[in-house]
Structures are given as structure tokens and as C-alpha cells.
């Protein structure tokens, strides 16, 4: 366990950093960017922390493969985050939480404006939220993220033959299952 103590502490700090980023971005919409959201907010999914715990209890893990495995986790964490974003953004939008990649993309591509979102935050009107959501849907923003999800998986799969002490194929199959769960639970979470 001591072997991974610094790494675990670092990875858990990133989760706290992700929470801070989300708070600041919701308070300051001009601060919100898709690239920063993908860098920071993905840590809310905690895949690094979960992997750290698994590695602590995996005596056959080859520490020389840690960097390569973390590249897989990085992709997987973004994939899980994308699954969450595409299945919760409409509810979060109505709640005044705009820290979804879907909303950040819509802002950056002038599909919606920060003024529209700020007004929604101020009045919380359900009809306004639905109108904004419909605008985002008509611009096929989710498709951008589905494509990114597929791209992330393809790159992660390139590491399958490079890592011997972890069954990367099985791990990524599990991430695919997580996406299936996300999609099956859409509108229920």
C-alpha cells in the first residue's frame, strides 16, 4: 500500500479539484471551457482512485506498466464522464448546473449563450430549460461526444498488447458495459 500512497493522495486531490472547478464554472460561465472541463471534471468519475485501490491489492501488477495503464485509465475516465454527460445534461441544465461537456460545447459553438444560461439560473423556468435543451438537441451536440467516446476507446485499445499484468481488454469491455448502463438509465438519474 505504501508503494502507491503518494499516487492515491494525488489522484484523490484531483477529485477535489474537479469539484472546485465545477463550482467555479457554474458561478462564472465565462470561465467554462470544454477542454478544461474534460481535463478537470473527468476526475469526478474517480477511475484513477478505483484503479489505485485495485493495484494495491494486485501483487502481480508490474509497476513498470503503470504509465501505460494510466494512459488507459485516462481514456476510460473520459469515456465514463462522456456517458454521464450525455445522459444527465438535460436534467442538470434544468437544475442550473451547466458543467456538462454538452453545455460547454454548446456555449463554445454559439448554440446557446451565457446570457440564456444565466437567465435560466436566475429564474429556473422549466419551459426555458426545455427550449435551451431542444436547441442543443437540434444541433446534434451529443453526437460529437459519442464520436469522441469511440475515439477514446480505439486509442485505449491500442494499449491492450502493451500491458501484460492487467487484462486491459477485459477492463475496457467493462467500460463499454458502463456506457450501456448510462444509456439504459437515461432520464432516471
N, C-alpha and C. Protein backbone atom coordinates (compact mmCIF):
# COMPACT_ATOMS: atom_id res chain seq x y z
N UNK A 1 0.82 -1.20 0.00
CA UNK A 1 0.00 0.00 0.00
C UNK A 1 0.87 1.26 0.00
N UNK A 2 1.94 1.24 0.77
CA UNK A 2 2.82 2.40 0.82
C UNK A 2 3.37 2.73 -0.56
N UNK A 3 3.53 1.70 -1.37
CA UNK A 3 4.07 1.87 -2.71
C UNK A 3 3.23 2.83 -3.56
N UNK A 4 1.92 2.88 -3.27
CA UNK A 4 1.00 3.71 -4.05
C UNK A 4 0.42 4.88 -3.26
N UNK A 5 0.90 5.09 -2.04
CA UNK A 5 0.31 6.12 -1.17
C UNK A 5 0.34 7.51 -1.80
N UNK A 6 1.48 7.92 -2.32
CA UNK A 6 1.57 9.25 -2.95
C UNK A 6 0.65 9.36 -4.15
N UNK A 7 0.57 8.30 -4.91
CA UNK A 7 -0.27 8.30 -6.11
C UNK A 7 -1.74 8.41 -5.73
N UNK A 8 -2.14 7.67 -4.72
CA UNK A 8 -3.54 7.72 -4.27
C UNK A 8 -3.88 9.13 -3.78
N UNK A 9 -3.00 9.71 -2.97
CA UNK A 9 -3.24 11.07 -2.48
C UNK A 9 -3.40 12.04 -3.64
N UNK A 10 -2.50 11.94 -4.61
CA UNK A 10 -2.57 12.82 -5.77
C UNK A 10 -3.90 12.64 -6.51
N UNK A 11 -4.27 11.40 -6.78
CA UNK A 11 -5.49 11.15 -7.54
C UNK A 11 -6.74 11.61 -6.79
N UNK A 12 -6.76 11.47 -5.48
CA UNK A 12 -7.91 11.96 -4.71
C UNK A 12 -7.96 13.49 -4.67
N UNK A 13 -6.80 14.14 -4.68
CA UNK A 13 -6.78 15.60 -4.76
C UNK A 13 -7.38 16.08 -6.08
N UNK A 14 -7.19 15.29 -7.13
CA UNK A 14 -7.76 15.67 -8.42
C UNK A 14 -9.29 15.64 -8.38
N UNK A 15 -9.86 14.74 -7.61
CA UNK A 15 -11.32 14.69 -7.45
C UNK A 15 -11.80 15.98 -6.78
N UNK A 16 -11.10 16.39 -5.73
CA UNK A 16 -11.46 17.64 -5.05
C UNK A 16 -11.29 18.83 -5.99
N UNK A 17 -10.24 18.82 -6.79
CA UNK A 17 -10.01 19.87 -7.76
C UNK A 17 -11.16 19.92 -8.78
N UNK A 18 -11.64 18.75 -9.18
CA UNK A 18 -12.77 18.68 -10.13
C UNK A 18 -14.02 19.31 -9.53
N UNK A 19 -14.25 19.07 -8.27
CA UNK A 19 -15.41 19.67 -7.59
C UNK A 19 -15.27 21.18 -7.55
N UNK A 20 -14.07 21.66 -7.21
CA UNK A 20 -13.81 23.11 -7.21
C UNK A 20 -14.04 23.71 -8.59
N UNK A 21 -13.53 23.04 -9.62
CA UNK A 21 -13.70 23.55 -10.97
C UNK A 21 -15.18 23.67 -11.33
N UNK A 22 -15.95 22.64 -11.02
CA UNK A 22 -17.39 22.67 -11.33
C UNK A 22 -18.09 23.82 -10.62
N UNK A 23 -17.74 24.02 -9.37
CA UNK A 23 -18.36 25.12 -8.61
C UNK A 23 -18.02 26.47 -9.25
N UNK A 24 -16.74 26.69 -9.51
CA UNK A 24 -16.31 27.97 -10.07
C UNK A 24 -16.93 28.18 -11.45
N UNK A 25 -16.96 27.15 -12.27
CA UNK A 25 -17.52 27.26 -13.62
C UNK A 25 -19.01 27.59 -13.58
N UNK A 26 -19.75 27.02 -12.64
CA UNK A 26 -21.17 27.32 -12.54
C UNK A 26 -21.41 28.75 -12.05
N UNK A 27 -20.49 29.28 -11.28
CA UNK A 27 -20.62 30.65 -10.78
C UNK A 27 -20.14 31.68 -11.80
N UNK A 28 -19.27 31.25 -12.71
CA UNK A 28 -18.64 32.14 -13.68
C UNK A 28 -18.67 31.48 -15.06
N UNK A 29 -19.78 31.59 -15.75
CA UNK A 29 -19.95 30.87 -17.02
C UNK A 29 -18.88 31.20 -18.05
N UNK A 30 -18.33 32.40 -18.00
CA UNK A 30 -17.28 32.78 -18.94
C UNK A 30 -15.98 31.99 -18.70
N UNK A 31 -15.86 31.42 -17.54
CA UNK A 31 -14.71 30.62 -17.14
C UNK A 31 -14.76 29.22 -17.76
N UNK A 32 -15.96 28.74 -18.07
CA UNK A 32 -16.19 27.37 -18.52
C UNK A 32 -15.66 27.14 -19.93
N UNK A 33 -14.78 26.15 -20.07
CA UNK A 33 -14.33 25.74 -21.40
C UNK A 33 -14.44 24.22 -21.49
N UNK A 34 -14.70 23.76 -22.69
CA UNK A 34 -14.82 22.31 -22.89
C UNK A 34 -13.50 21.61 -22.57
N UNK A 35 -12.38 22.16 -23.01
CA UNK A 35 -11.10 21.49 -22.79
C UNK A 35 -10.77 21.40 -21.29
N UNK A 36 -11.00 22.49 -20.55
CA UNK A 36 -10.74 22.43 -19.11
C UNK A 36 -11.72 21.48 -18.43
N UNK A 37 -12.95 21.52 -18.87
CA UNK A 37 -13.95 20.62 -18.30
C UNK A 37 -13.51 19.17 -18.49
N UNK A 38 -13.01 18.85 -19.67
CA UNK A 38 -12.56 17.48 -19.92
C UNK A 38 -11.34 17.14 -19.08
N UNK A 39 -10.47 18.11 -18.85
CA UNK A 39 -9.29 17.85 -18.02
C UNK A 39 -9.64 17.70 -16.55
N UNK A 40 -10.48 18.59 -16.05
CA UNK A 40 -10.77 18.60 -14.62
C UNK A 40 -11.96 17.74 -14.24
N UNK A 41 -13.07 17.94 -14.91
CA UNK A 41 -14.32 17.31 -14.50
C UNK A 41 -14.30 15.79 -14.63
N UNK A 42 -13.52 15.27 -15.56
CA UNK A 42 -13.45 13.82 -15.71
C UNK A 42 -13.01 13.14 -14.41
N UNK A 43 -12.23 13.84 -13.59
CA UNK A 43 -11.76 13.26 -12.33
C UNK A 43 -12.90 12.98 -11.35
N UNK A 44 -14.06 13.61 -11.56
CA UNK A 44 -15.22 13.30 -10.72
C UNK A 44 -15.63 11.84 -10.84
N UNK A 45 -15.24 11.18 -11.91
CA UNK A 45 -15.60 9.79 -12.11
C UNK A 45 -14.74 8.85 -11.27
N UNK A 46 -13.62 9.33 -10.77
CA UNK A 46 -12.75 8.64 -9.81
C UNK A 46 -12.13 7.34 -10.31
N UNK A 47 -12.00 7.16 -11.62
CA UNK A 47 -11.42 5.92 -12.12
C UNK A 47 -9.97 5.72 -11.70
N UNK A 48 -9.21 6.81 -11.62
CA UNK A 48 -7.83 6.66 -11.15
C UNK A 48 -7.81 6.11 -9.73
N UNK A 49 -8.63 6.67 -8.87
CA UNK A 49 -8.67 6.20 -7.48
C UNK A 49 -9.09 4.74 -7.37
N UNK A 50 -10.09 4.36 -8.14
CA UNK A 50 -10.53 2.96 -8.12
C UNK A 50 -9.41 2.05 -8.62
N UNK A 51 -8.73 2.48 -9.68
CA UNK A 51 -7.62 1.68 -10.21
C UNK A 51 -6.49 1.59 -9.19
N UNK A 52 -6.20 2.69 -8.50
CA UNK A 52 -5.16 2.68 -7.47
C UNK A 52 -5.46 1.61 -6.42
N UNK A 53 -6.69 1.56 -5.98
CA UNK A 53 -7.07 0.56 -4.97
C UNK A 53 -6.90 -0.85 -5.52
N UNK A 54 -7.33 -1.05 -6.77
CA UNK A 54 -7.15 -2.37 -7.38
C UNK A 54 -5.67 -2.75 -7.44
N UNK A 55 -4.83 -1.79 -7.82
CA UNK A 55 -3.40 -2.09 -7.96
C UNK A 55 -2.75 -2.41 -6.61
N UNK A 56 -3.20 -1.77 -5.56
CA UNK A 56 -2.67 -2.05 -4.22
C UNK A 56 -2.83 -3.53 -3.89
N UNK A 57 -3.96 -4.09 -4.31
CA UNK A 57 -4.27 -5.48 -3.98
C UNK A 57 -4.01 -6.42 -5.15
N UNK A 58 -3.15 -6.01 -6.06
CA UNK A 58 -2.77 -6.85 -7.21
C UNK A 58 -1.28 -7.12 -7.15
N UNK A 59 -0.88 -8.17 -6.43
CA UNK A 59 0.55 -8.42 -6.25
C UNK A 59 1.29 -8.74 -7.54
N UNK A 60 0.58 -9.13 -8.58
CA UNK A 60 1.26 -9.46 -9.84
C UNK A 60 1.37 -8.27 -10.78
N UNK A 61 0.87 -7.10 -10.35
CA UNK A 61 0.97 -5.92 -11.21
C UNK A 61 2.42 -5.54 -11.38
N UNK A 62 2.81 -5.31 -12.62
CA UNK A 62 4.17 -4.89 -12.95
C UNK A 62 4.21 -3.37 -12.94
N UNK A 63 4.85 -2.81 -11.94
CA UNK A 63 4.89 -1.35 -11.77
C UNK A 63 5.51 -0.65 -13.00
N UNK A 64 6.30 -1.35 -13.76
CA UNK A 64 6.88 -0.77 -14.97
C UNK A 64 5.78 -0.46 -16.00
N UNK A 65 4.60 -1.04 -15.83
CA UNK A 65 3.47 -0.82 -16.74
C UNK A 65 2.52 0.28 -16.25
N UNK A 66 2.87 0.91 -15.13
CA UNK A 66 1.97 1.90 -14.54
C UNK A 66 1.66 3.05 -15.48
N UNK A 67 2.65 3.59 -16.12
CA UNK A 67 2.42 4.72 -17.03
C UNK A 67 1.48 4.32 -18.17
N UNK A 68 1.72 3.19 -18.77
CA UNK A 68 0.87 2.72 -19.87
C UNK A 68 -0.56 2.48 -19.37
N UNK A 69 -0.68 1.89 -18.20
CA UNK A 69 -2.02 1.62 -17.66
C UNK A 69 -2.74 2.93 -17.32
N UNK A 70 -2.02 3.91 -16.82
CA UNK A 70 -2.66 5.20 -16.53
C UNK A 70 -3.15 5.88 -17.80
N UNK A 71 -2.48 5.64 -18.93
CA UNK A 71 -2.98 6.18 -20.20
C UNK A 71 -4.32 5.53 -20.56
N UNK A 72 -4.47 4.26 -20.25
CA UNK A 72 -5.74 3.57 -20.47
C UNK A 72 -6.80 4.16 -19.54
N UNK A 73 -6.45 4.34 -18.28
CA UNK A 73 -7.40 4.90 -17.30
C UNK A 73 -7.82 6.30 -17.71
N UNK A 74 -6.87 7.09 -18.18
CA UNK A 74 -7.20 8.45 -18.62
C UNK A 74 -8.30 8.42 -19.68
N UNK A 75 -8.15 7.57 -20.65
CA UNK A 75 -9.16 7.43 -21.71
C UNK A 75 -10.47 6.90 -21.14
N UNK A 76 -10.37 5.88 -20.32
CA UNK A 76 -11.57 5.27 -19.75
C UNK A 76 -12.33 6.26 -18.88
N UNK A 77 -11.61 7.06 -18.13
CA UNK A 77 -12.25 8.05 -17.28
C UNK A 77 -13.02 9.08 -18.11
N UNK A 78 -12.43 9.51 -19.21
CA UNK A 78 -13.15 10.44 -20.10
C UNK A 78 -14.37 9.75 -20.71
N UNK A 79 -14.23 8.47 -21.05
CA UNK A 79 -15.36 7.74 -21.62
C UNK A 79 -16.52 7.65 -20.63
N UNK A 80 -16.21 7.35 -19.39
CA UNK A 80 -17.25 7.27 -18.37
C UNK A 80 -17.88 8.64 -18.15
N UNK A 81 -17.05 9.67 -18.15
CA UNK A 81 -17.56 11.04 -18.00
C UNK A 81 -18.49 11.39 -19.15
N UNK A 82 -18.10 11.04 -20.37
CA UNK A 82 -18.95 11.31 -21.53
C UNK A 82 -20.29 10.59 -21.38
N UNK A 83 -20.26 9.35 -20.95
CA UNK A 83 -21.50 8.61 -20.73
C UNK A 83 -22.41 9.31 -19.75
N UNK A 84 -21.81 9.84 -18.69
CA UNK A 84 -22.61 10.59 -17.71
C UNK A 84 -23.14 11.88 -18.32
N UNK A 85 -22.29 12.60 -19.03
CA UNK A 85 -22.73 13.87 -19.62
C UNK A 85 -23.90 13.69 -20.57
N UNK A 86 -23.81 12.72 -21.48
CA UNK A 86 -24.86 12.59 -22.49
C UNK A 86 -26.17 12.07 -21.91
N UNK A 87 -26.14 11.57 -20.70
CA UNK A 87 -27.37 11.03 -20.12
C UNK A 87 -27.92 11.86 -18.96
N UNK A 88 -27.21 12.92 -18.58
CA UNK A 88 -27.71 13.73 -17.46
C UNK A 88 -27.80 15.22 -17.77
N UNK A 89 -27.28 15.66 -18.91
CA UNK A 89 -27.18 17.10 -19.17
C UNK A 89 -28.53 17.80 -19.16
N UNK A 90 -29.57 17.16 -19.63
CA UNK A 90 -30.88 17.83 -19.69
C UNK A 90 -31.42 18.09 -18.28
N UNK A 91 -31.29 17.10 -17.40
CA UNK A 91 -31.73 17.29 -16.02
C UNK A 91 -30.87 18.35 -15.34
N UNK A 92 -29.57 18.28 -15.53
CA UNK A 92 -28.66 19.24 -14.90
C UNK A 92 -28.91 20.65 -15.43
N UNK A 93 -29.18 20.78 -16.70
CA UNK A 93 -29.50 22.08 -17.30
C UNK A 93 -30.70 22.69 -16.59
N UNK A 94 -31.75 21.89 -16.42
CA UNK A 94 -32.96 22.37 -15.75
C UNK A 94 -32.70 22.74 -14.29
N UNK A 95 -31.68 22.12 -13.69
CA UNK A 95 -31.32 22.41 -12.30
C UNK A 95 -30.36 23.59 -12.18
N UNK A 96 -29.90 24.12 -13.31
CA UNK A 96 -28.96 25.23 -13.27
C UNK A 96 -27.51 24.81 -13.15
N UNK A 97 -27.22 23.55 -13.44
CA UNK A 97 -25.84 23.05 -13.43
C UNK A 97 -25.40 22.94 -14.88
N UNK A 98 -24.44 23.77 -15.27
CA UNK A 98 -24.03 23.85 -16.67
C UNK A 98 -22.66 23.23 -16.93
N UNK A 99 -22.18 22.43 -15.98
CA UNK A 99 -20.84 21.85 -16.12
C UNK A 99 -20.88 20.49 -16.80
N UNK A 100 -21.66 20.38 -17.84
CA UNK A 100 -21.65 19.21 -18.69
C UNK A 100 -20.87 19.58 -19.95
N UNK A 101 -20.15 18.62 -20.48
CA UNK A 101 -19.46 18.84 -21.73
C UNK A 101 -20.41 19.25 -22.84
N UNK A 102 -21.63 18.74 -22.78
CA UNK A 102 -22.64 19.07 -23.78
C UNK A 102 -22.92 20.57 -23.76
N UNK A 103 -23.15 21.12 -22.59
CA UNK A 103 -23.45 22.55 -22.46
C UNK A 103 -22.22 23.38 -22.79
N UNK A 104 -21.05 22.95 -22.33
CA UNK A 104 -19.81 23.69 -22.63
C UNK A 104 -19.59 23.74 -24.14
N UNK A 105 -19.80 22.64 -24.82
CA UNK A 105 -19.66 22.62 -26.28
C UNK A 105 -20.67 23.58 -26.92
N UNK A 106 -21.91 23.52 -26.45
CA UNK A 106 -22.96 24.40 -26.99
C UNK A 106 -22.60 25.87 -26.78
N UNK A 107 -22.03 26.20 -25.64
CA UNK A 107 -21.58 27.58 -25.38
C UNK A 107 -20.46 27.98 -26.33
N UNK A 108 -19.46 27.12 -26.46
CA UNK A 108 -18.30 27.46 -27.29
C UNK A 108 -18.64 27.56 -28.77
N UNK A 109 -19.69 26.89 -29.19
CA UNK A 109 -20.08 26.91 -30.60
C UNK A 109 -21.31 27.78 -30.85
N UNK A 110 -21.60 28.66 -29.91
CA UNK A 110 -22.69 29.64 -30.03
C UNK A 110 -24.05 29.01 -30.31
N UNK A 111 -24.24 27.79 -29.82
CA UNK A 111 -25.55 27.15 -29.90
C UNK A 111 -26.46 27.77 -28.85
N UNK A 112 -25.88 28.08 -27.69
CA UNK A 112 -26.57 28.79 -26.61
C UNK A 112 -25.64 29.90 -26.13
N UNK A 113 -26.19 30.84 -25.41
CA UNK A 113 -25.37 31.95 -24.89
C UNK A 113 -25.29 31.88 -23.37
N UNK A 114 -24.25 32.49 -22.85
CA UNK A 114 -24.13 32.54 -21.39
C UNK A 114 -25.28 33.36 -20.79
N UNK A 115 -25.79 34.33 -21.55
CA UNK A 115 -26.92 35.13 -21.07
C UNK A 115 -28.17 34.25 -20.91
N UNK A 116 -28.41 33.36 -21.88
CA UNK A 116 -29.55 32.43 -21.77
C UNK A 116 -29.40 31.54 -20.54
N UNK A 117 -28.19 31.05 -20.33
CA UNK A 117 -27.96 30.16 -19.19
C UNK A 117 -28.07 30.91 -17.87
N UNK A 118 -27.52 32.13 -17.83
CA UNK A 118 -27.60 32.92 -16.61
C UNK A 118 -29.07 33.22 -16.28
N UNK A 119 -29.87 33.54 -17.30
CA UNK A 119 -31.30 33.79 -17.09
C UNK A 119 -31.98 32.54 -16.54
N UNK A 120 -31.60 31.40 -17.08
CA UNK A 120 -32.17 30.14 -16.59
C UNK A 120 -31.77 29.90 -15.14
N UNK A 121 -30.53 30.19 -14.82
CA UNK A 121 -30.06 30.06 -13.43
C UNK A 121 -30.86 30.96 -12.50
N UNK A 122 -31.15 32.17 -12.98
CA UNK A 122 -31.86 33.14 -12.15
C UNK A 122 -33.33 32.79 -11.93
N UNK A 123 -34.02 32.36 -13.00
CA UNK A 123 -35.46 32.13 -12.84
C UNK A 123 -35.87 30.66 -12.79
N UNK A 124 -35.02 29.76 -13.27
CA UNK A 124 -35.32 28.33 -13.19
C UNK A 124 -36.57 27.90 -13.93
N UNK A 125 -36.96 28.64 -14.94
CA UNK A 125 -38.18 28.35 -15.69
C UNK A 125 -38.02 27.05 -16.48
N UNK A 126 -38.91 26.09 -16.24
CA UNK A 126 -38.86 24.78 -16.88
C UNK A 126 -39.00 24.91 -18.40
N UNK A 127 -39.87 25.80 -18.85
CA UNK A 127 -40.05 25.99 -20.29
C UNK A 127 -38.78 26.54 -20.95
N UNK A 128 -38.10 27.46 -20.25
CA UNK A 128 -36.83 27.99 -20.77
C UNK A 128 -35.79 26.88 -20.86
N UNK A 129 -35.73 26.05 -19.84
CA UNK A 129 -34.78 24.94 -19.83
C UNK A 129 -35.05 23.99 -20.99
N UNK A 130 -36.31 23.70 -21.23
CA UNK A 130 -36.66 22.80 -22.34
C UNK A 130 -36.34 23.44 -23.68
N UNK A 131 -36.55 24.71 -23.82
CA UNK A 131 -36.24 25.40 -25.08
C UNK A 131 -34.73 25.36 -25.35
N UNK A 132 -33.94 25.59 -24.31
CA UNK A 132 -32.48 25.53 -24.47
C UNK A 132 -32.06 24.10 -24.81
N UNK A 133 -32.63 23.14 -24.12
CA UNK A 133 -32.31 21.74 -24.39
C UNK A 133 -32.67 21.36 -25.82
N UNK A 134 -33.80 21.81 -26.29
CA UNK A 134 -34.22 21.50 -27.67
C UNK A 134 -33.26 22.12 -28.67
N UNK A 135 -32.80 23.32 -28.40
CA UNK A 135 -31.82 23.96 -29.28
C UNK A 135 -30.54 23.13 -29.34
N UNK A 136 -30.09 22.67 -28.20
CA UNK A 136 -28.88 21.84 -28.16
C UNK A 136 -29.11 20.52 -28.91
N UNK A 137 -30.26 19.90 -28.69
CA UNK A 137 -30.56 18.65 -29.39
C UNK A 137 -30.58 18.83 -30.90
N UNK A 138 -31.15 19.93 -31.38
CA UNK A 138 -31.25 20.13 -32.84
C UNK A 138 -29.89 20.36 -33.48
N UNK A 139 -28.89 20.68 -32.68
CA UNK A 139 -27.53 20.87 -33.21
C UNK A 139 -26.68 19.61 -33.07
N UNK A 140 -27.29 18.49 -32.68
CA UNK A 140 -26.60 17.19 -32.60
C UNK A 140 -25.31 17.23 -31.78
N UNK A 141 -25.35 17.98 -30.70
CA UNK A 141 -24.15 18.11 -29.86
C UNK A 141 -23.76 16.76 -29.26
N UNK A 142 -24.73 15.96 -28.87
CA UNK A 142 -24.41 14.66 -28.27
C UNK A 142 -23.58 13.81 -29.22
N UNK A 143 -23.83 13.91 -30.51
CA UNK A 143 -23.10 13.11 -31.49
C UNK A 143 -21.60 13.39 -31.45
N UNK A 144 -21.24 14.62 -31.17
CA UNK A 144 -19.82 14.98 -31.04
C UNK A 144 -19.19 14.13 -29.94
N UNK A 145 -19.92 13.96 -28.84
CA UNK A 145 -19.39 13.22 -27.70
C UNK A 145 -19.43 11.71 -27.92
N UNK A 146 -20.44 11.22 -28.62
CA UNK A 146 -20.45 9.80 -28.97
C UNK A 146 -19.25 9.45 -29.86
N UNK A 147 -18.93 10.34 -30.79
CA UNK A 147 -17.75 10.11 -31.64
C UNK A 147 -16.47 10.15 -30.80
N UNK A 148 -16.40 11.12 -29.88
CA UNK A 148 -15.21 11.19 -29.03
C UNK A 148 -15.10 9.92 -28.19
N UNK A 149 -16.21 9.43 -27.68
CA UNK A 149 -16.21 8.21 -26.87
C UNK A 149 -15.59 7.06 -27.68
N UNK A 150 -16.02 6.92 -28.92
CA UNK A 150 -15.49 5.86 -29.79
C UNK A 150 -14.01 6.05 -30.06
N UNK A 151 -13.60 7.29 -30.27
CA UNK A 151 -12.18 7.59 -30.50
C UNK A 151 -11.34 7.25 -29.27
N UNK A 152 -11.86 7.61 -28.10
CA UNK A 152 -11.14 7.31 -26.85
C UNK A 152 -10.97 5.80 -26.68
N UNK A 153 -12.02 5.05 -26.98
CA UNK A 153 -11.96 3.59 -26.86
C UNK A 153 -10.92 3.02 -27.83
N UNK A 154 -10.92 3.50 -29.05
CA UNK A 154 -9.96 3.00 -30.04
C UNK A 154 -8.53 3.23 -29.58
N UNK A 155 -8.24 4.41 -29.06
CA UNK A 155 -6.88 4.70 -28.59
C UNK A 155 -6.55 3.84 -27.36
N UNK A 156 -7.50 3.71 -26.45
CA UNK A 156 -7.26 2.88 -25.25
C UNK A 156 -6.96 1.44 -25.64
N UNK A 157 -7.66 0.95 -26.64
CA UNK A 157 -7.46 -0.45 -27.07
C UNK A 157 -6.07 -0.68 -27.67
N UNK A 158 -5.41 0.38 -28.12
CA UNK A 158 -4.05 0.21 -28.66
C UNK A 158 -3.07 -0.23 -27.58
N UNK A 159 -3.44 -0.10 -26.32
CA UNK A 159 -2.56 -0.47 -25.21
C UNK A 159 -2.75 -1.92 -24.77
N UNK A 160 -3.73 -2.60 -25.32
CA UNK A 160 -4.03 -3.98 -24.87
C UNK A 160 -2.81 -4.89 -24.96
N UNK A 161 -2.06 -4.82 -26.03
CA UNK A 161 -0.92 -5.71 -26.20
C UNK A 161 0.34 -5.22 -25.49
N UNK A 162 0.31 -3.99 -24.98
CA UNK A 162 1.48 -3.40 -24.34
C UNK A 162 1.54 -3.66 -22.84
N UNK A 163 0.42 -4.09 -22.28
CA UNK A 163 0.33 -4.28 -20.83
C UNK A 163 -0.01 -5.75 -20.56
N UNK A 164 0.87 -6.41 -19.83
CA UNK A 164 0.68 -7.84 -19.58
C UNK A 164 0.11 -8.15 -18.20
N UNK A 165 0.35 -7.28 -17.23
CA UNK A 165 -0.05 -7.61 -15.85
C UNK A 165 -1.49 -7.18 -15.53
N UNK A 166 -2.16 -6.53 -16.47
CA UNK A 166 -3.57 -6.15 -16.32
C UNK A 166 -4.27 -6.59 -17.60
N UNK A 167 -5.44 -7.17 -17.45
CA UNK A 167 -6.23 -7.56 -18.62
C UNK A 167 -6.97 -6.32 -19.12
N UNK A 168 -6.28 -5.55 -19.96
CA UNK A 168 -6.82 -4.29 -20.46
C UNK A 168 -8.08 -4.53 -21.29
N UNK A 169 -8.09 -5.59 -22.05
CA UNK A 169 -9.27 -5.91 -22.86
C UNK A 169 -10.51 -6.07 -21.99
N UNK A 170 -10.37 -6.83 -20.93
CA UNK A 170 -11.49 -7.03 -20.00
C UNK A 170 -11.89 -5.72 -19.33
N UNK A 171 -10.90 -4.93 -18.95
CA UNK A 171 -11.16 -3.64 -18.31
C UNK A 171 -11.98 -2.75 -19.25
N UNK A 172 -11.56 -2.66 -20.50
CA UNK A 172 -12.26 -1.81 -21.46
C UNK A 172 -13.63 -2.37 -21.84
N UNK A 173 -13.76 -3.69 -21.83
CA UNK A 173 -15.09 -4.28 -22.03
C UNK A 173 -16.02 -3.84 -20.90
N UNK A 174 -15.46 -3.76 -19.70
CA UNK A 174 -16.25 -3.27 -18.57
C UNK A 174 -16.65 -1.82 -18.74
N UNK A 175 -15.77 -1.00 -19.29
CA UNK A 175 -16.09 0.41 -19.55
C UNK A 175 -17.20 0.50 -20.60
N UNK A 176 -17.17 -0.38 -21.58
CA UNK A 176 -18.26 -0.41 -22.56
C UNK A 176 -19.59 -0.75 -21.88
N UNK A 177 -19.54 -1.66 -20.93
CA UNK A 177 -20.75 -2.02 -20.17
C UNK A 177 -21.24 -0.83 -19.36
N UNK A 178 -20.32 -0.07 -18.80
CA UNK A 178 -20.71 1.14 -18.05
C UNK A 178 -21.48 2.09 -18.98
N UNK A 179 -21.00 2.24 -20.22
CA UNK A 179 -21.71 3.10 -21.17
C UNK A 179 -23.12 2.56 -21.44
N UNK A 180 -23.24 1.26 -21.57
CA UNK A 180 -24.56 0.66 -21.78
C UNK A 180 -25.48 0.98 -20.60
N UNK A 181 -24.94 0.93 -19.38
CA UNK A 181 -25.73 1.27 -18.18
C UNK A 181 -26.13 2.74 -18.20
N UNK A 182 -25.19 3.60 -18.56
CA UNK A 182 -25.51 5.02 -18.68
C UNK A 182 -26.70 5.21 -19.61
N UNK A 183 -26.60 4.63 -20.79
CA UNK A 183 -27.65 4.83 -21.80
C UNK A 183 -28.98 4.21 -21.34
N UNK A 184 -28.92 3.08 -20.68
CA UNK A 184 -30.14 2.42 -20.21
C UNK A 184 -30.82 3.22 -19.09
N UNK A 185 -30.03 4.00 -18.36
CA UNK A 185 -30.58 4.75 -17.22
C UNK A 185 -30.88 6.20 -17.56
N UNK A 186 -30.77 6.56 -18.82
CA UNK A 186 -31.03 7.93 -19.23
C UNK A 186 -32.42 8.36 -18.77
N UNK A 187 -32.48 9.54 -18.18
CA UNK A 187 -33.76 10.06 -17.69
C UNK A 187 -34.16 9.55 -16.31
N UNK A 188 -33.36 8.64 -15.76
CA UNK A 188 -33.67 8.06 -14.45
C UNK A 188 -32.68 8.48 -13.38
N UNK A 189 -31.69 9.27 -13.77
CA UNK A 189 -30.67 9.68 -12.81
C UNK A 189 -30.42 11.15 -12.86
